[in-house]
Amino acid sequence: MMLIVRLFPKEDLEDCWHRTLNSFEEMHDENCTPLYISRQEEKDFMSIMYDVKDVDSFADVLVRKIPSAANSEKTRTITLLKPVFFPAPKERPEQLERYQVAMRVASDELDDVFNHVIHLDYSVDLFPTYAAYSFGEDDILMSMLSISRDKLRAFVKEKIESQKGVLSADVARIDMSKRLAPLEMWRRYREEKYLFKPYDGFEDYDFTEQALLSGAFEKDL
């Protein structure tokens, strides 16, 4: 199971970010592995993505380990169900930015909307990295790469918000991201959940290190 933990800092968000980077090994056990951390532009929280094999074990990590290690005031947990990952087009532009697209969807249209968004005809300069059901504040979450916010917003309006059952779709830029899981473990994790295996024109791609590869997010460097 994939879970997102949103951390709201007691003090400074930057302090919480660095505390987490320096002490994330204290924030897991054999059943709960942190995969990566990220921050959304203009939001007052940061997020840790976990792979969770035992929910009760994760509860102990959430209650006993995370607040003291990250100096967080409160947390919010988001469950991601049936996640699918996507390989990336080989001919993608070098300068890409990462975004989260959060959708609210009518319950009786969830299955149709999810299948619609994961099978859309994406381009080399705007494409998803993963998608999942998310039952809580939102119903579907997608991580996407695009050459610009305007291009992504136009795509979302035309191809997603127009779909029957979609109540709203919010686009937020990820301005910082960092992998925490060992590289090989994270690669296998994505490959096991690919919607389709890489073939001619596509390749495996670590979107959490996208800034390091492309130079798009200087804050990550």
Protein backbone atom coordinates (compact mmCIF):
# COMPACT_ATOMS: atom_id res chain seq x y z
CA MET A 1 0.00 0.00 0.00
CA MET A 2 1.16 3.52 -0.78
CA LEU A 3 0.52 6.22 1.79
CA ILE A 4 1.31 9.92 1.80
CA VAL A 5 2.03 11.60 5.12
CA ARG A 6 1.69 15.37 5.05
CA LEU A 7 3.77 17.07 7.72
CA PHE A 8 2.81 20.49 9.04
CA PRO A 9 5.82 21.94 10.86
CA LYS A 10 5.81 23.39 14.36
CA GLU A 11 8.14 26.11 13.21
CA ASP A 12 9.71 26.64 9.79
CA LEU A 13 8.94 24.46 6.77
CA GLU A 14 12.57 24.61 5.67
CA ASP A 15 13.62 23.33 9.09
CA CYS A 16 11.14 20.46 8.85
CA TRP A 17 12.46 19.59 5.38
CA HIS A 18 16.07 19.41 6.53
CA ARG A 19 15.20 17.53 9.72
CA THR A 20 13.42 14.91 7.63
CA LEU A 21 16.32 14.57 5.20
CA ASN A 22 18.76 14.17 8.09
CA SER A 23 16.68 11.73 10.13
CA PHE A 24 14.37 9.86 7.75
CA GLU A 25 16.04 6.57 8.72
CA GLU A 26 14.38 7.02 12.13
CA MET A 27 10.96 7.33 10.48
CA HIS A 28 10.47 3.77 9.30
CA ASP A 29 10.63 0.11 10.25
CA GLU A 30 10.76 -3.17 8.33
CA ASN A 31 7.11 -2.76 7.26
CA CYS A 32 7.16 0.93 6.36
CA THR A 33 9.65 2.30 3.83
CA PRO A 34 9.85 6.02 2.95
CA LEU A 35 10.11 6.33 -0.84
CA TYR A 36 10.58 10.07 -1.38
CA ILE A 37 9.72 13.49 0.02
CA SER A 38 8.28 16.47 -1.82
CA ARG A 39 6.94 19.97 -1.35
CA GLN A 40 4.22 21.80 -3.23
CA GLU A 41 4.64 25.42 -4.18
CA GLU A 42 2.95 27.87 -1.80
CA LYS A 43 1.74 25.12 0.58
CA ASP A 44 2.47 25.02 4.31
CA PHE A 45 3.26 21.30 4.44
CA MET A 46 5.66 18.74 3.01
CA SER A 47 4.90 15.14 2.07
CA ILE A 48 6.55 11.76 2.57
CA MET A 49 5.50 8.89 0.32
CA TYR A 50 5.60 5.49 2.06
CA ASP A 51 5.37 1.88 0.96
CA VAL A 52 3.43 0.23 3.81
CA LYS A 53 3.14 -3.52 4.28
CA ASP A 54 1.43 -3.43 7.69
CA VAL A 55 -0.95 -0.62 8.68
CA ASP A 56 -0.67 -1.21 12.44
CA SER A 57 3.11 -0.98 12.19
CA PHE A 58 2.75 2.23 10.21
CA ALA A 59 0.55 3.67 12.97
CA ASP A 60 3.45 3.29 15.40
CA VAL A 61 5.79 5.07 12.98
CA LEU A 62 3.26 7.85 12.43
CA VAL A 63 2.53 8.42 16.12
CA ARG A 64 5.85 7.67 17.81
CA LYS A 65 8.61 8.41 15.32
CA ILE A 66 7.64 11.03 12.76
CA PRO A 67 6.59 13.99 14.97
CA SER A 68 9.77 14.08 17.02
CA ALA A 69 12.13 13.40 14.12
CA ALA A 70 10.57 15.99 11.79
CA ASN A 71 9.45 18.46 14.48
CA SER A 72 5.93 18.43 13.03
CA GLU A 73 2.89 19.95 14.72
CA LYS A 74 0.33 17.76 12.98
CA THR A 75 0.07 15.20 10.19
CA ARG A 76 -2.49 14.16 7.60
CA THR A 77 -2.46 10.73 5.98
CA ILE A 78 -3.60 10.02 2.42
CA THR A 79 -4.16 6.48 1.18
CA LEU A 80 -3.26 5.68 -2.43
CA LEU A 81 -4.99 2.60 -3.84
CA LYS A 82 -4.35 0.74 -7.09
CA PRO A 83 -1.39 2.95 -8.04
CA VAL A 84 -0.05 2.73 -11.57
CA PHE A 85 3.30 4.10 -12.76
CA PHE A 86 4.32 5.17 -16.25
CA PRO A 87 7.65 4.99 -18.11
CA ALA A 88 8.72 8.24 -19.74
CA PRO A 89 9.05 9.16 -23.42
CA LYS A 90 12.70 9.00 -24.46
CA GLU A 91 12.36 12.13 -26.59
CA ARG A 92 11.02 14.31 -23.76
CA PRO A 93 12.31 17.90 -23.37
CA GLU A 94 15.10 18.51 -20.89
CA GLN A 95 13.23 21.26 -19.04
CA LEU A 96 10.21 19.71 -17.37
CA GLU A 97 8.44 20.64 -14.17
CA ARG A 98 6.56 18.27 -11.89
CA TYR A 99 2.96 18.81 -10.81
CA GLN A 100 0.28 17.10 -8.78
CA VAL A 101 -3.22 16.95 -10.25
CA ALA A 102 -5.85 16.30 -7.58
CA MET A 103 -9.35 15.36 -8.74
CA ARG A 104 -12.70 15.24 -7.00
CA VAL A 105 -14.98 12.77 -8.78
CA ALA A 106 -18.57 11.59 -8.38
CA SER A 107 -18.54 8.13 -6.77
CA ASP A 108 -20.47 6.39 -9.53
CA GLU A 109 -18.04 7.69 -12.17
CA LEU A 110 -14.74 6.95 -10.39
CA ASP A 111 -13.86 3.82 -12.32
CA ASP A 112 -14.60 5.41 -15.69
CA VAL A 113 -12.69 8.60 -14.87
CA PHE A 114 -9.66 6.73 -13.57
CA ASN A 115 -9.47 4.55 -16.67
CA HIS A 116 -9.97 7.63 -18.84
CA VAL A 117 -7.07 9.60 -17.33
CA ILE A 118 -4.55 6.74 -17.31
CA HIS A 119 -5.24 5.91 -20.95
CA LEU A 120 -5.25 9.42 -22.40
CA ASP A 121 -3.02 10.19 -25.37
CA TYR A 122 -0.18 12.07 -23.65
CA SER A 123 2.59 13.94 -25.43
CA VAL A 124 6.36 13.92 -24.93
CA ASP A 125 6.20 17.30 -23.19
CA LEU A 126 3.23 16.51 -20.88
CA PHE A 127 2.80 13.05 -19.37
CA PRO A 128 2.01 11.27 -16.07
CA THR A 129 4.48 9.55 -13.76
CA TYR A 130 1.91 7.84 -11.54
CA ALA A 131 -1.82 7.84 -10.75
CA ALA A 132 -3.89 6.32 -7.95
CA TYR A 133 -7.23 6.39 -6.22
CA SER A 134 -7.07 8.65 -3.17
CA PHE A 135 -10.08 8.52 -0.86
CA GLY A 136 -10.13 11.53 1.45
CA GLU A 137 -9.73 15.16 0.45
CA ASP A 138 -9.49 14.01 -3.18
CA ASP A 139 -10.54 10.95 -5.15
CA ILE A 140 -7.76 10.59 -7.73
CA LEU A 141 -4.19 11.88 -7.55
CA MET A 142 -1.79 12.08 -10.47
CA SER A 143 1.84 13.13 -10.63
CA MET A 144 2.64 14.72 -13.97
CA LEU A 145 5.51 16.34 -15.82
CA SER A 146 4.96 19.29 -18.14
CA ILE A 147 6.97 21.99 -19.85
CA SER A 148 4.75 24.63 -18.23
CA ARG A 149 1.86 25.17 -15.82
CA ASP A 150 -0.22 26.86 -18.55
CA LYS A 151 0.12 23.88 -20.89
CA LEU A 152 -0.86 21.45 -18.13
CA ARG A 153 -3.81 23.53 -16.98
CA ALA A 154 -5.11 23.78 -20.54
CA PHE A 155 -4.75 20.00 -20.93
CA VAL A 156 -6.54 19.33 -17.63
CA LYS A 157 -9.39 21.65 -18.57
CA GLU A 158 -9.86 20.10 -22.01
CA LYS A 159 -9.17 16.42 -21.34
CA ILE A 160 -9.99 15.85 -17.65
CA GLU A 161 -12.43 18.44 -16.30
CA SER A 162 -14.66 17.88 -19.33
CA GLN A 163 -15.06 14.19 -18.45
CA LYS A 164 -18.41 13.13 -17.02
CA GLY A 165 -18.22 12.82 -13.23
CA VAL A 166 -15.22 15.11 -12.67
CA LEU A 167 -16.25 17.72 -10.11
CA SER A 168 -12.94 19.58 -9.91
CA ALA A 169 -9.25 19.23 -10.76
CA ASP A 170 -6.56 21.20 -8.94
CA VAL A 171 -3.03 21.64 -10.34
CA ALA A 172 -0.15 22.25 -7.88
CA ARG A 173 3.54 22.57 -8.75
CA ILE A 174 6.05 20.36 -6.91
CA ASP A 175 8.93 22.71 -6.23
CA MET A 176 11.16 20.31 -4.26
CA SER A 177 11.52 16.53 -4.43
CA LYS A 178 14.05 13.97 -3.20
CA ARG A 179 14.24 10.20 -3.31
CA LEU A 180 14.70 8.49 0.09
CA ALA A 181 14.45 4.81 -0.88
CA PRO A 182 17.53 2.95 -2.16
CA LEU A 183 17.80 3.47 -5.91
CA GLU A 184 17.40 -0.18 -6.93
CA MET A 185 14.46 -0.74 -4.57
CA TRP A 186 12.69 2.35 -5.94
CA ARG A 187 13.32 1.23 -9.54
CA ARG A 188 11.85 -2.23 -8.87
CA TYR A 189 8.91 -0.69 -7.04
CA ARG A 190 7.97 1.45 -10.05
CA GLU A 191 8.52 -1.36 -12.56
CA GLU A 192 6.18 -3.70 -10.66
CA LYS A 193 3.37 -1.17 -11.03
CA TYR A 194 3.90 0.04 -14.58
CA LEU A 195 0.71 0.45 -16.59
CA PHE A 196 2.76 -0.75 -19.54
CA LYS A 197 6.34 -1.93 -19.82
CA PRO A 198 8.84 0.36 -21.54
CA TYR A 199 9.10 -0.30 -25.27
CA ASP A 200 10.49 1.60 -28.26
CA GLY A 201 10.22 5.29 -27.49
CA PHE A 202 9.86 4.85 -23.70
CA GLU A 203 12.21 4.18 -20.80
CA ASP A 204 12.31 3.79 -17.03
CA TYR A 205 12.57 7.19 -15.38
CA ASP A 206 13.10 8.31 -11.78
CA PHE A 207 10.81 11.32 -11.55
CA THR A 208 11.88 12.09 -7.96
CA GLU A 209 15.35 12.98 -9.26
CA GLN A 210 14.05 14.85 -12.29
CA ALA A 211 15.53 18.13 -11.09
CA LEU A 212 18.96 16.59 -10.74
CA LEU A 213 18.77 15.23 -14.26
CA SER A 214 17.34 18.23 -16.05
CA GLY A 215 18.26 21.21 -13.92
CA ALA A 216 14.62 22.30 -13.90
CA PHE A 217 14.38 22.72 -10.14
CA GLU A 218 17.41 24.54 -8.88
CA LYS A 219 16.10 24.35 -5.30
CA ASP A 220 16.81 20.62 -5.37
CA LEU A 221 20.48 20.98 -6.29
